[in-house]
Amino acid sequence: MNPLKIFLNSLARSIRSRLATEVAEKSPLDHPDIQAMDLLQLADLPMPHLPMPAPMVADTEAQPESMPLARCA
């Protein structure tokens, strides 16, 4: 148990030191003009690097072709 504890402690220490010395990556969202925008302006920005959701396809088996309309009172 003791050798395992020594190994894990040294591993954790090396990971912590590597994370402490790592330079923070600059994000495009850190730009002052973008930080000054409100949520509506941010929503209008194009984000080409984000994956687009798959289009919704209607399930033909779940609903019949023509559904009868309900009568209004």
C-alpha atoms as a PDB file:
ATOM      1  CA  MET A   1       0.000   0.000   0.000  1.00  0.00           C
ATOM      2  CA  ASN A   2       2.845   2.362   0.804  1.00  0.00           C
ATOM      3  CA  PRO A   3       4.509   2.248  -2.665  1.00  0.00           C
ATOM      4  CA  LEU A   4       1.138   2.876  -4.280  1.00  0.00           C
ATOM      5  CA  LYS A   5       0.560   5.865  -2.006  1.00  0.00           C
ATOM      6  CA  ILE A   6       3.979   7.291  -2.878  1.00  0.00           C
ATOM      7  CA  PHE A   7       3.353   6.807  -6.599  1.00  0.00           C
ATOM      8  CA  LEU A   8      -0.095   8.410  -6.528  1.00  0.00           C
ATOM      9  CA  ASN A   9       1.125  11.341  -4.427  1.00  0.00           C
ATOM     10  CA  SER A  10       3.993  12.028  -6.835  1.00  0.00           C
ATOM     11  CA  LEU A  11       1.618  11.729  -9.796  1.00  0.00           C
ATOM     12  CA  ALA A  12      -0.850  14.152  -8.238  1.00  0.00           C
ATOM     13  CA  ARG A  13       1.973  16.570  -7.396  1.00  0.00           C
ATOM     14  CA  SER A  14       3.268  16.513 -10.977  1.00  0.00           C
ATOM     15  CA  ILE A  15      -0.225  17.075 -12.400  1.00  0.00           C
ATOM     16  CA  ARG A  16      -0.818  20.012 -10.041  1.00  0.00           C
ATOM     17  CA  SER A  17       2.509  21.608 -10.957  1.00  0.00           C
ATOM     18  CA  ARG A  18       1.821  21.155 -14.683  1.00  0.00           C
ATOM     19  CA  LEU A  19      -1.615  22.762 -14.336  1.00  0.00           C
ATOM     20  CA  ALA A  20      -0.165  25.651 -12.345  1.00  0.00           C
ATOM     21  CA  THR A  21       2.495  26.422 -14.967  1.00  0.00           C
ATOM     22  CA  GLU A  22       0.161  25.983 -17.959  1.00  0.00           C
ATOM     23  CA  VAL A  23      -0.576  29.217 -19.778  1.00  0.00           C
ATOM     24  CA  ALA A  24      -4.273  29.915 -20.078  1.00  0.00           C
ATOM     25  CA  GLU A  25      -5.445  29.760 -23.683  1.00  0.00           C
ATOM     26  CA  LYS A  26      -6.985  32.910 -25.067  1.00  0.00           C
ATOM     27  CA  SER A  27     -10.604  32.521 -25.969  1.00  0.00           C
ATOM     28  CA  PRO A  28     -12.254  34.640 -28.666  1.00  0.00           C
ATOM     29  CA  LEU A  29     -14.991  35.311 -26.121  1.00  0.00           C
ATOM     30  CA  ASP A  30     -12.465  37.183 -23.924  1.00  0.00           C
ATOM     31  CA  HIS A  31     -12.393  40.127 -26.347  1.00  0.00           C
ATOM     32  CA  PRO A  32     -13.655  43.357 -24.700  1.00  0.00           C
ATOM     33  CA  ASP A  33     -16.129  44.086 -27.523  1.00  0.00           C
ATOM     34  CA  ILE A  34     -17.717  40.675 -27.114  1.00  0.00           C
ATOM     35  CA  GLN A  35     -17.794  40.959 -23.322  1.00  0.00           C
ATOM     36  CA  ALA A  36     -19.643  44.287 -23.668  1.00  0.00           C
ATOM     37  CA  MET A  37     -22.425  42.710 -25.781  1.00  0.00           C
ATOM     38  CA  ASP A  38     -25.774  41.735 -24.307  1.00  0.00           C
ATOM     39  CA  LEU A  39     -27.322  38.291 -24.798  1.00  0.00           C
ATOM     40  CA  LEU A  40     -29.319  39.253 -27.893  1.00  0.00           C
ATOM     41  CA  GLN A  41     -26.217  40.540 -29.652  1.00  0.00           C
ATOM     42  CA  LEU A  42     -24.279  37.409 -28.664  1.00  0.00           C
ATOM     43  CA  ALA A  43     -27.072  35.208 -30.025  1.00  0.00           C
ATOM     44  CA  ASP A  44     -26.727  36.869 -33.438  1.00  0.00           C
ATOM     45  CA  LEU A  45     -23.006  36.110 -33.728  1.00  0.00           C
ATOM     46  CA  PRO A  46     -22.057  33.331 -36.157  1.00  0.00           C
ATOM     47  CA  MET A  47     -20.392  30.393 -34.422  1.00  0.00           C
ATOM     48  CA  PRO A  48     -18.970  28.206 -37.226  1.00  0.00           C
ATOM     49  CA  HIS A  49     -16.965  25.961 -34.881  1.00  0.00           C
ATOM     50  CA  LEU A  50     -20.070  24.771 -32.993  1.00  0.00           C
ATOM     51  CA  PRO A  51     -21.756  21.617 -34.287  1.00  0.00           C
ATOM     52  CA  MET A  52     -25.177  22.121 -35.794  1.00  0.00           C
ATOM     53  CA  PRO A  53     -28.002  19.991 -34.395  1.00  0.00           C
ATOM     54  CA  ALA A  54     -29.421  17.344 -36.679  1.00  0.00           C
ATOM     55  CA  PRO A  55     -32.658  18.347 -38.408  1.00  0.00           C
ATOM     56  CA  MET A  56     -35.830  16.940 -36.909  1.00  0.00           C
ATOM     57  CA  VAL A  57     -37.404  14.319 -39.150  1.00  0.00           C
ATOM     58  CA  ALA A  58     -41.087  13.586 -38.699  1.00  0.00           C
ATOM     59  CA  ASP A  59     -41.774   9.997 -37.794  1.00  0.00           C
ATOM     60  CA  THR A  60     -44.295   8.767 -40.393  1.00  0.00           C
ATOM     61  CA  GLU A  61     -45.250   5.683 -38.384  1.00  0.00           C
ATOM     62  CA  ALA A  62     -46.074   7.652 -35.226  1.00  0.00           C
ATOM     63  CA  GLN A  63     -48.690   9.906 -36.853  1.00  0.00           C
ATOM     64  CA  PRO A  64     -51.097   9.076 -39.675  1.00  0.00           C
ATOM     65  CA  GLU A  65     -51.053  11.043 -42.940  1.00  0.00           C
ATOM     66  CA  SER A  66     -54.185  13.051 -42.238  1.00  0.00           C
ATOM     67  CA  MET A  67     -55.400  13.638 -38.728  1.00  0.00           C
ATOM     68  CA  PRO A  68     -59.064  14.536 -38.301  1.00  0.00           C
ATOM     69  CA  LEU A  69     -59.648  18.020 -36.946  1.00  0.00           C
ATOM     70  CA  ALA A  70     -61.505  18.419 -33.687  1.00  0.00           C
ATOM     71  CA  ARG A  71     -64.790  20.305 -33.810  1.00  0.00           C
ATOM     72  CA  CYS A  72     -64.758  23.651 -32.091  1.00  0.00           C
ATOM     73  CA  ALA A  73     -67.565  24.407 -29.640  1.00  0.00           C
END
